[in-house]
Amino acid sequence: MALIKSISGIRGTIGGLEGEALTPGDIVKFTSAFGQWVKDNTDIKKIVVGRDARPSGKYITQLVASTLQAQGIEVVDLGLSTTPTVEMAVPVENAGGGIIITASHNPVGWNALKLLNRDGEFISAAEGETVLKIAEEGKVQYAQSKDLGSYSKNDTYIDYHISKILELPLVDVEVIKERNFKIAVDAVNSTGGIAIPILLEKLGVKNYEMFYGEPNGQFPHNPEPLPENITTLCSEVEAGRFDLGIVVDPDVDRLAFVSELGEPLGEEYSLVMIADYILKNGSGNTVSNLSSTRALKDITLKNGGSYEASAVGEVNVVNKMKETNAVIGGEGNGGIIYPELHYGRDALVGIALFLTHLAKFGKSAALLRSMYPNYHISKNKIELTPEMDIDEVLLAIKAKYAKKPINEIDGLKIEFDEEWVHLRKSNTEPIIRIYSESESQSTADHLANKIMMDIKEIVTETV
């Protein structure tokens, strides 16, 4: 049972007590607050809504739409859609904001309200705090019966989204068609099962097979596109019938690939390989978050560009991309942000760009992956007691490694000669998350274990 209020919205488990889970009462409360914020800040009484295929999504959409209408706000419901599609629809509709009903990679028992501004981008931390304040104070103005908002459905935006992808200069339909790829897709029984077949057909890919392509929300495995969760697709590709496997999460903003050998290419490398293709066709700057692989920095510098790291979180990556005029960016979880289309993580545009890259490369996916620096990331966490001052622990780690390059824009990142480690404290639990990267998995694991031992020593000394 959990209700988490974060930078990107309200997320929680379905069923339980109000205030402790994502209950109907909580949905109405936070939707009302967001609707009020949109009216106060844009003077536009229109909001776009869309959802992934989770079973709870339909009733949450009804609650969200009815609540917004009660505030005098026009609702445009995209129905079953993708996160990037909703992001693109908001400015096209000239709406004041958007709500995406999806818990992304969380299990089926979760759902969330992800909140977008009028540009179709996630609201900032400060804006999120304002929405939460409105929710807690309950100062929401509802409309009289004569001023209730309207409701309409629009299921054309996935087609619109794909049409804009096809217009991109670096998406080459003809070269993709000529390669005659055989592709397996794991859409985890969500809205990728709607959007990806349309995209592949438009790209000229006729030989593809959908695994878990029915958008019924019954996830056949943990929906996060990690190697340990996609073993069925890997086995199917390994059998030799396919040139490539494609995996997305339930709301289609994270992307991973599987080589013709049935081996995951690593979601960290989705961004790296696509960025390399973009940079080879015109140098520029790139951005990823502090916990993402340094391979993106390597290939950016090799192509004559400049690389910057941002704090973790899509909105932080987007802000840094705008600041540095980056041509591509994203996060190491398979989130591709290509600003020529829009500022949001988008697996669909990632698929189109990668297939063009692979087709022009002219060889296998495994060989393409071998062309890039080979780094390994270790992801760990250490639990502390609630009374422990985590900030003091991080300060002690900083002092211990004071002679190393340190970045503090988001937790504590320490750079070593060929490695790095990133420590971030949880906002909801007494936990420090520890990410480390090296040229081998064992070395990355060793570095993480060393830092965890340092933390344990510090904790012991302060008790």
Protein backbone atom coordinates (compact mmCIF):
# COMPACT_ATOMS: atom_id res chain seq x y z
CA MET A 1 0.00 0.00 0.00
CA ALA A 2 1.59 3.27 -1.04
CA LEU A 3 0.82 6.80 -2.24
CA ILE A 4 3.84 8.63 -3.61
CA LYS A 5 3.79 12.32 -4.49
CA SER A 6 6.73 13.12 -6.74
CA ILE A 7 7.98 15.57 -9.35
CA SER A 8 6.04 13.85 -12.14
CA GLY A 9 2.71 13.31 -10.38
CA ILE A 10 0.81 11.09 -7.99
CA ARG A 11 1.50 7.36 -7.96
CA GLY A 12 0.10 4.59 -5.82
CA THR A 13 -1.34 1.14 -5.44
CA ILE A 14 -5.00 0.52 -6.24
CA GLY A 15 -7.26 -0.31 -3.32
CA GLY A 16 -6.88 0.62 0.30
CA LEU A 17 -7.35 3.61 2.56
CA GLU A 18 -7.59 7.17 1.30
CA GLY A 19 -4.27 8.94 1.68
CA GLU A 20 -2.39 5.64 1.73
CA ALA A 21 -3.14 4.39 -1.81
CA LEU A 22 -4.44 5.76 -5.09
CA THR A 23 -8.12 5.71 -4.10
CA PRO A 24 -11.05 7.45 -5.84
CA GLY A 25 -10.90 10.15 -3.17
CA ASP A 26 -7.22 10.79 -3.85
CA ILE A 27 -7.80 10.81 -7.60
CA VAL A 28 -10.49 13.47 -7.28
CA LYS A 29 -8.41 15.49 -4.80
CA PHE A 30 -5.26 15.70 -6.90
CA THR A 31 -7.08 16.03 -10.22
CA SER A 32 -9.01 18.98 -8.77
CA ALA A 33 -5.77 20.57 -7.60
CA PHE A 34 -4.16 20.17 -11.01
CA GLY A 35 -7.24 21.51 -12.78
CA GLN A 36 -7.16 24.56 -10.52
CA TRP A 37 -3.46 25.05 -11.20
CA VAL A 38 -4.03 24.89 -14.96
CA LYS A 39 -6.80 27.48 -14.77
CA ASP A 40 -4.75 29.76 -12.51
CA ASN A 41 -1.61 29.59 -14.62
CA THR A 42 -2.82 29.39 -18.19
CA ASP A 43 -6.38 30.70 -18.24
CA ILE A 44 -7.04 27.78 -20.60
CA LYS A 45 -9.93 25.55 -19.58
CA LYS A 46 -8.88 22.49 -21.56
CA ILE A 47 -6.93 19.37 -20.56
CA VAL A 48 -5.91 16.30 -22.59
CA VAL A 49 -6.18 12.88 -20.93
CA GLY A 50 -4.81 9.50 -22.02
CA ARG A 51 -4.03 6.14 -20.40
CA ASP A 52 -2.13 2.89 -20.70
CA ALA A 53 -3.95 -0.47 -20.68
CA ARG A 54 -4.05 -1.19 -16.93
CA PRO A 55 -7.48 -2.44 -15.83
CA SER A 56 -7.78 0.45 -13.35
CA GLY A 57 -7.17 3.01 -16.09
CA LYS A 58 -10.72 3.11 -17.39
CA TYR A 59 -12.40 3.99 -14.11
CA ILE A 60 -9.62 6.44 -13.22
CA THR A 61 -10.18 8.19 -16.56
CA GLN A 62 -13.88 8.51 -15.74
CA LEU A 63 -13.09 10.04 -12.35
CA VAL A 64 -10.49 12.39 -13.81
CA ALA A 65 -12.72 13.52 -16.67
CA SER A 66 -15.77 14.09 -14.46
CA THR A 67 -13.71 16.03 -11.92
CA LEU A 68 -12.26 18.31 -14.57
CA GLN A 69 -15.68 18.86 -16.12
CA ALA A 70 -16.99 19.84 -12.69
CA GLN A 71 -14.33 22.57 -12.70
CA GLY A 72 -15.57 23.92 -16.01
CA ILE A 73 -12.69 22.35 -17.95
CA GLU A 74 -13.03 20.83 -21.43
CA VAL A 75 -11.66 17.27 -21.52
CA VAL A 76 -10.18 15.67 -24.62
CA ASP A 77 -9.83 11.93 -23.95
CA LEU A 78 -7.35 10.05 -26.14
CA GLY A 79 -8.34 6.75 -24.55
CA LEU A 80 -5.71 3.99 -24.83
CA SER A 81 -2.60 5.91 -25.82
CA THR A 82 1.09 6.33 -25.05
CA THR A 83 2.80 8.86 -22.82
CA PRO A 84 4.67 10.53 -25.71
CA THR A 85 1.46 10.66 -27.76
CA VAL A 86 -0.35 12.56 -25.00
CA GLU A 87 2.66 14.85 -24.68
CA MET A 88 2.43 15.70 -28.38
CA ALA A 89 -1.34 16.14 -28.30
CA VAL A 90 -1.38 18.82 -25.58
CA PRO A 91 0.14 21.69 -27.62
CA VAL A 92 -1.69 20.60 -30.79
CA GLU A 93 -4.98 20.88 -28.88
CA ASN A 94 -3.90 24.24 -27.42
CA ALA A 95 -4.70 22.75 -24.03
CA GLY A 96 -3.59 24.11 -20.69
CA GLY A 97 -2.12 20.78 -19.64
CA GLY A 98 -2.39 17.02 -19.76
CA ILE A 99 -2.86 14.03 -17.48
CA ILE A 100 -1.41 10.63 -18.37
CA ILE A 101 -2.94 7.78 -16.40
CA THR A 102 -0.07 5.31 -16.15
CA ALA A 103 2.31 3.94 -13.54
CA SER A 104 4.87 3.31 -16.28
CA HIS A 105 7.07 0.31 -15.36
CA ASN A 106 5.33 -0.40 -12.03
CA PRO A 107 3.34 -3.64 -11.63
CA VAL A 108 -0.30 -3.86 -12.70
CA GLY A 109 -1.52 -3.13 -9.15
CA TRP A 110 -0.24 0.43 -9.44
CA ASN A 111 -1.44 3.48 -11.35
CA ALA A 112 -0.63 7.16 -11.43
CA LEU A 113 -1.55 10.63 -12.59
CA LYS A 114 1.36 12.09 -14.56
CA LEU A 115 0.98 15.83 -15.02
CA LEU A 116 1.93 17.87 -18.08
CA ASN A 117 2.15 21.62 -18.66
CA ARG A 118 0.75 23.44 -21.69
CA ASP A 119 3.85 22.50 -23.73
CA GLY A 120 3.19 18.80 -23.17
CA GLU A 121 6.17 18.49 -20.82
CA PHE A 122 6.22 17.32 -17.21
CA ILE A 123 5.55 20.08 -14.72
CA SER A 124 8.54 21.33 -12.74
CA ALA A 125 9.29 20.53 -9.11
CA ALA A 126 8.12 24.01 -8.07
CA GLU A 127 4.90 23.65 -10.06
CA GLY A 128 4.37 20.22 -8.55
CA GLU A 129 4.72 21.67 -5.06
CA THR A 130 2.08 24.26 -5.91
CA VAL A 131 -0.32 21.54 -7.08
CA LEU A 132 0.26 19.61 -3.84
CA LYS A 133 -0.35 22.76 -1.79
CA ILE A 134 -3.65 23.37 -3.58
CA ALA A 135 -4.62 19.76 -2.87
CA GLU A 136 -3.83 20.03 0.82
CA GLU A 137 -5.55 23.39 1.26
CA GLY A 138 -8.59 22.30 -0.73
CA LYS A 139 -9.04 25.70 -2.34
CA VAL A 140 -10.61 24.52 -5.57
CA GLN A 141 -13.30 26.42 -7.45
CA TYR A 142 -15.97 24.27 -9.10
CA ALA A 143 -18.28 25.45 -11.88
CA GLN A 144 -22.00 26.09 -11.76
CA SER A 145 -24.18 23.74 -13.79
CA LYS A 146 -24.36 26.12 -16.75
CA ASP A 147 -20.54 26.27 -16.94
CA LEU A 148 -19.65 22.59 -16.74
CA GLY A 149 -16.86 21.46 -19.05
CA SER A 150 -17.43 19.36 -22.15
CA TYR A 151 -16.05 15.89 -22.85
CA SER A 152 -14.92 14.44 -26.18
CA LYS A 153 -12.95 11.42 -27.39
CA ASN A 154 -10.18 11.58 -29.96
CA ASP A 155 -8.41 8.37 -31.00
CA THR A 156 -6.48 9.87 -33.92
CA TYR A 157 -3.38 11.05 -32.10
CA ILE A 158 -1.33 7.85 -32.35
CA ASP A 159 -1.65 8.16 -36.13
CA TYR A 160 -0.71 11.85 -35.88
CA HIS A 161 2.28 11.02 -33.68
CA ILE A 162 3.56 8.43 -36.15
CA SER A 163 3.00 10.74 -39.13
CA LYS A 164 5.26 13.35 -37.50
CA ILE A 165 7.93 10.68 -36.87
CA LEU A 166 7.85 9.72 -40.56
CA GLU A 167 8.44 13.38 -41.51
CA LEU A 168 11.75 13.53 -39.62
CA PRO A 169 14.72 13.89 -42.01
CA LEU A 170 16.74 11.22 -40.19
CA VAL A 171 14.00 8.59 -40.46
CA ASP A 172 14.55 6.82 -43.77
CA VAL A 173 11.60 4.61 -44.65
CA GLU A 174 13.09 3.39 -47.92
CA VAL A 175 16.33 2.10 -46.41
CA ILE A 176 14.37 0.34 -43.64
CA LYS A 177 12.06 -1.25 -46.20
CA GLU A 178 15.02 -2.46 -48.28
CA ARG A 179 16.56 -4.27 -45.28
CA ASN A 180 13.38 -6.37 -44.90
CA PHE A 181 13.87 -6.75 -41.15
CA LYS A 182 12.26 -9.61 -39.25
CA ILE A 183 11.32 -8.18 -35.86
CA ALA A 184 9.87 -9.56 -32.63
CA VAL A 185 8.08 -7.13 -30.31
CA ASP A 186 7.22 -7.44 -26.61
CA ALA A 187 4.52 -4.84 -25.91
CA VAL A 188 3.73 -6.21 -22.41
CA ASN A 189 -0.01 -6.28 -23.24
CA SER A 190 -0.32 -2.51 -23.16
CA THR A 191 -0.59 0.34 -25.62
CA GLY A 192 2.62 -0.50 -27.45
CA GLY A 193 0.49 -3.29 -28.90
CA ILE A 194 -1.58 -0.60 -30.61
CA ALA A 195 1.11 1.88 -31.64
CA ILE A 196 4.07 -0.28 -32.64
CA PRO A 197 2.33 -2.34 -35.36
CA ILE A 198 1.11 0.91 -36.96
CA LEU A 199 4.63 2.35 -36.80
CA LEU A 200 6.30 -0.76 -38.23
CA GLU A 201 3.80 -0.98 -41.11
CA LYS A 202 4.41 2.68 -41.94
CA LEU A 203 8.17 2.06 -41.85
CA GLY A 204 7.79 -0.73 -44.37
CA VAL A 205 8.44 -3.56 -41.90
CA LYS A 206 6.12 -6.39 -42.96
CA ASN A 207 7.78 -9.30 -41.17
CA TYR A 208 7.13 -8.75 -37.48
CA GLU A 209 5.50 -10.73 -34.72
CA MET A 210 3.86 -9.31 -31.62
CA PHE A 211 4.40 -11.04 -28.29
CA TYR A 212 2.03 -9.84 -25.60
CA GLY A 213 0.49 -7.37 -28.01
CA GLU A 214 -3.12 -7.39 -26.77
CA PRO A 215 -3.73 -4.15 -24.82
CA ASN A 216 -5.62 -5.76 -21.94
CA GLY A 217 -3.30 -4.62 -19.16
CA GLN A 218 -2.53 -8.16 -18.00
CA PHE A 219 1.24 -7.86 -17.88
CA PRO A 220 2.77 -11.30 -18.59
CA HIS A 221 5.93 -10.42 -16.65
CA ASN A 222 7.43 -7.56 -14.67
CA PRO A 223 6.84 -4.69 -17.13
CA GLU A 224 10.19 -2.99 -16.64
CA PRO A 225 12.23 -3.72 -19.82
CA LEU A 226 15.22 -5.24 -18.05
CA PRO A 227 17.08 -8.39 -19.25
CA GLU A 228 15.72 -10.55 -16.44
CA ASN A 229 12.13 -9.66 -17.39
CA ILE A 230 12.25 -10.31 -21.14
CA THR A 231 13.52 -13.90 -21.25
CA THR A 232 10.63 -15.14 -23.41
CA LEU A 233 11.35 -12.63 -26.17
CA CYS A 234 15.09 -13.32 -25.94
CA SER A 235 14.42 -17.05 -26.41
CA GLU A 236 12.19 -16.41 -29.42
CA VAL A 237 14.83 -14.24 -31.07
CA GLU A 238 17.64 -16.64 -30.18
CA ALA A 239 15.80 -19.39 -32.08
CA GLY A 240 16.90 -17.64 -35.27
CA ARG A 241 13.66 -16.36 -36.80
CA PHE A 242 14.31 -12.66 -36.14
CA ASP A 243 16.91 -9.99 -36.84
CA LEU A 244 15.94 -7.90 -33.83
CA GLY A 245 13.76 -7.79 -30.73
CA ILE A 246 12.03 -4.63 -29.52
CA VAL A 247 10.77 -4.15 -25.96
CA VAL A 248 8.78 -1.26 -24.49
CA ASP A 249 7.19 -0.55 -21.13
CA PRO A 250 3.41 -0.12 -20.59
CA ASP A 251 3.25 3.58 -21.58
CA VAL A 252 5.86 3.32 -24.37
CA ASP A 253 8.39 5.86 -23.12
CA ARG A 254 11.17 3.33 -22.45
CA LEU A 255 12.88 1.27 -25.13
CA ALA A 256 15.21 -1.74 -25.20
CA PHE A 257 16.52 -3.95 -27.98
CA VAL A 258 17.52 -7.61 -28.29
CA SER A 259 20.15 -8.69 -30.84
CA GLU A 260 19.67 -11.46 -33.39
CA LEU A 261 21.55 -13.71 -30.95
CA GLY A 262 18.82 -13.28 -28.37
CA GLU A 263 21.03 -11.09 -26.20
CA PRO A 264 19.70 -7.84 -24.67
CA LEU A 265 21.69 -4.88 -25.98
CA GLY A 266 21.10 -3.09 -22.66
CA GLU A 267 18.58 -0.30 -22.22
CA GLU A 268 21.48 2.04 -21.35
CA TYR A 269 22.66 1.59 -24.94
CA SER A 270 19.34 2.41 -26.61
CA LEU A 271 20.16 6.10 -26.14
CA VAL A 272 23.86 5.64 -26.93
CA MET A 273 23.32 3.93 -30.29
CA ILE A 274 20.56 6.30 -31.40
CA ALA A 275 22.56 9.35 -30.28
CA ASP A 276 25.54 8.13 -32.31
CA TYR A 277 23.35 8.00 -35.41
CA ILE A 278 22.06 11.53 -34.77
CA LEU A 279 25.58 12.89 -34.12
CA LYS A 280 27.05 11.26 -37.22
CA ASN A 281 24.50 13.21 -39.25
CA GLY A 282 25.34 16.57 -37.72
CA SER A 283 27.41 17.15 -34.60
CA GLY A 284 25.79 18.61 -31.51
CA ASN A 285 25.45 18.38 -27.77
CA THR A 286 23.91 15.62 -25.67
CA VAL A 287 22.49 15.23 -22.15
CA SER A 288 21.71 12.31 -19.87
CA ASN A 289 21.23 12.04 -16.14
CA LEU A 290 23.98 11.42 -13.61
CA SER A 291 23.10 7.73 -13.26
CA SER A 292 23.40 6.98 -16.98
CA THR A 293 26.33 5.34 -18.73
CA ARG A 294 29.40 7.40 -19.62
CA ALA A 295 29.29 5.79 -23.09
CA LEU A 296 27.08 8.69 -24.22
CA LYS A 297 29.78 11.17 -23.21
CA ASP A 298 32.40 9.10 -25.05
CA ILE A 299 30.54 8.99 -28.35
CA THR A 300 29.51 12.66 -28.07
CA LEU A 301 33.10 13.82 -27.67
CA LYS A 302 34.19 11.48 -30.47
CA ASN A 303 31.65 13.14 -32.77
CA GLY A 304 32.77 16.66 -31.85
CA GLY A 305 29.96 17.57 -29.47
CA SER A 306 29.69 18.52 -25.83
CA TYR A 307 28.08 16.38 -23.12
CA GLU A 308 26.33 17.53 -19.93
CA ALA A 309 24.82 15.54 -17.06
CA SER A 310 21.59 16.52 -15.34
CA ALA A 311 19.87 15.54 -12.14
CA VAL A 312 17.78 12.36 -12.38
CA GLY A 313 14.26 12.86 -13.73
CA GLU A 314 12.89 13.61 -17.19
CA VAL A 315 12.07 17.25 -16.43
CA ASN A 316 15.67 17.81 -15.29
CA VAL A 317 17.07 16.21 -18.44
CA VAL A 318 14.78 18.35 -20.60
CA ASN A 319 15.78 21.56 -18.81
CA LYS A 320 19.47 20.78 -19.29
CA MET A 321 18.87 19.91 -22.94
CA LYS A 322 17.23 23.27 -23.53
CA GLU A 323 20.02 25.04 -21.66
CA THR A 324 22.73 23.38 -23.78
CA ASN A 325 20.79 23.22 -27.04
CA ALA A 326 21.25 19.43 -27.09
CA VAL A 327 20.28 17.58 -30.28
CA ILE A 328 19.39 14.42 -28.35
CA GLY A 329 19.28 13.28 -24.76
CA GLY A 330 17.50 11.04 -22.34
CA GLU A 331 17.97 8.62 -19.51
CA GLY A 332 19.79 5.33 -19.21
CA ASN A 333 16.53 3.48 -18.59
CA GLY A 334 15.85 3.48 -22.33
CA GLY A 335 14.29 6.93 -22.43
CA ILE A 336 15.01 8.68 -25.76
CA ILE A 337 14.33 12.43 -25.98
CA TYR A 338 14.60 13.82 -29.52
CA PRO A 339 13.69 17.53 -29.45
CA GLU A 340 13.19 17.78 -33.21
CA LEU A 341 9.97 15.87 -32.50
CA HIS A 342 9.18 16.90 -28.91
CA TYR A 343 10.74 17.16 -25.44
CA GLY A 344 9.66 13.85 -23.96
CA ARG A 345 10.88 10.26 -23.67
CA ASP A 346 9.56 8.49 -26.75
CA ALA A 347 10.08 4.83 -27.63
CA LEU A 348 8.30 5.22 -30.98
CA VAL A 349 10.70 7.79 -32.38
CA GLY A 350 13.52 5.73 -30.88
CA ILE A 351 12.41 2.68 -32.86
CA ALA A 352 12.27 4.63 -36.12
CA LEU A 353 15.70 6.21 -35.63
CA PHE A 354 17.33 2.94 -34.53
CA LEU A 355 15.92 0.95 -37.46
CA THR A 356 17.26 3.60 -39.83
CA HIS A 357 20.65 3.44 -38.10
CA LEU A 358 20.75 -0.36 -38.22
CA ALA A 359 19.59 -0.48 -41.84
CA LYS A 360 22.26 1.99 -42.95
CA PHE A 361 24.89 0.13 -40.91
CA GLY A 362 24.08 -2.86 -43.07
CA LYS A 363 25.15 -5.53 -40.61
CA SER A 364 23.71 -7.20 -37.51
CA ALA A 365 22.46 -5.60 -34.30
CA ALA A 366 25.04 -7.53 -32.28
CA LEU A 367 27.86 -6.17 -34.44
CA LEU A 368 26.48 -2.64 -34.17
CA ARG A 369 26.40 -2.89 -30.37
CA SER A 370 30.04 -4.09 -30.39
CA MET A 371 31.09 -0.78 -31.97
CA TYR A 372 30.45 1.13 -28.73
CA PRO A 373 32.35 1.38 -25.42
CA ASN A 374 31.38 -1.51 -23.19
CA TYR A 375 30.47 -0.35 -19.69
CA HIS A 376 28.55 -2.12 -16.95
CA ILE A 377 26.35 -0.57 -14.28
CA SER A 378 25.69 -2.00 -10.83
CA LYS A 379 22.49 -0.85 -9.09
CA ASN A 380 22.23 -1.31 -5.34
CA LYS A 381 20.70 0.24 -2.25
CA ILE A 382 21.43 0.32 1.44
CA GLU A 383 18.72 0.67 4.08
CA LEU A 384 19.33 2.80 7.14
CA THR A 385 17.27 3.37 10.25
CA PRO A 386 14.64 6.16 10.15
CA GLU A 387 16.49 8.19 12.78
CA MET A 388 19.74 8.21 10.79
CA ASP A 389 20.65 11.57 9.19
CA ILE A 390 21.30 10.53 5.59
CA ASP A 391 22.61 13.98 4.64
CA GLU A 392 25.31 13.62 7.30
CA VAL A 393 26.24 10.23 5.88
CA LEU A 394 26.60 11.68 2.39
CA LEU A 395 28.73 14.55 3.75
CA ALA A 396 31.03 12.01 5.38
CA ILE A 397 31.37 10.10 2.08
CA LYS A 398 32.12 13.39 0.33
CA ALA A 399 34.86 14.17 2.84
CA LYS A 400 36.38 10.70 2.43
CA TYR A 401 36.67 11.15 -1.34
CA ALA A 402 37.33 14.90 -1.36
CA LYS A 403 40.32 14.53 -3.72
CA LYS A 404 38.14 12.99 -6.44
CA PRO A 405 35.94 14.98 -8.85
CA ILE A 406 32.52 15.30 -7.20
CA ASN A 407 29.13 16.38 -8.58
CA GLU A 408 26.41 17.37 -6.10
CA ILE A 409 23.55 18.51 -8.33
CA ASP A 410 21.64 15.35 -7.42
CA GLY A 411 22.93 13.46 -4.42
CA LEU A 412 26.63 12.70 -4.66
CA LYS A 413 28.49 11.48 -7.75
CA ILE A 414 32.17 10.60 -7.41
CA GLU A 415 34.35 10.18 -10.51
CA PHE A 416 37.27 7.75 -10.48
CA ASP A 417 39.75 7.19 -13.31
CA GLU A 418 37.67 4.69 -15.28
CA GLU A 419 34.62 4.44 -13.01
CA TRP A 420 31.99 6.42 -11.17
CA VAL A 421 29.58 5.94 -8.30
CA HIS A 422 26.35 7.88 -7.73
CA LEU A 423 24.58 8.03 -4.36
CA ARG A 424 21.01 9.31 -4.10
CA LYS A 425 18.78 9.31 -1.05
CA SER A 426 15.15 8.27 -1.33
CA ASN A 427 12.52 10.93 -0.67
CA THR A 428 10.13 8.41 0.87
CA GLU A 429 12.29 5.83 2.67
CA PRO A 430 15.53 5.75 4.74
CA ILE A 431 17.42 4.39 1.74
CA ILE A 432 20.52 5.41 -0.20
CA ARG A 433 20.50 4.15 -3.78
CA ILE A 434 23.98 3.40 -5.11
CA TYR A 435 24.76 3.26 -8.83
CA SER A 436 28.27 2.45 -10.05
CA GLU A 437 29.79 1.93 -13.49
CA SER A 438 32.99 0.31 -14.72
CA GLU A 439 34.34 -1.59 -17.71
CA SER A 440 33.39 -4.92 -16.11
CA GLN A 441 30.39 -5.99 -14.07
CA SER A 442 32.59 -7.40 -11.31
CA THR A 443 34.49 -4.14 -10.94
CA ALA A 444 31.28 -2.13 -10.87
CA ASP A 445 29.89 -4.45 -8.21
CA HIS A 446 33.13 -4.19 -6.23
CA LEU A 447 33.01 -0.40 -6.29
CA ALA A 448 29.41 -0.38 -5.09
CA ASN A 449 30.27 -2.83 -2.30
CA LYS A 450 33.21 -0.66 -1.24
CA ILE A 451 30.98 2.40 -0.94
CA MET A 452 28.40 0.39 1.02
CA MET A 453 31.14 -0.71 3.42
CA ASP A 454 32.17 2.94 3.80
CA ILE A 455 28.58 3.84 4.68
CA LYS A 456 28.34 1.05 7.23
CA GLU A 457 31.56 2.24 8.89
CA ILE A 458 30.25 5.80 9.04
CA VAL A 459 26.95 4.64 10.52
CA THR A 460 28.77 2.53 13.13
CA GLU A 461 30.95 5.47 14.15
CA THR A 462 27.96 7.78 14.59
CA VAL A 463 25.84 5.39 16.66
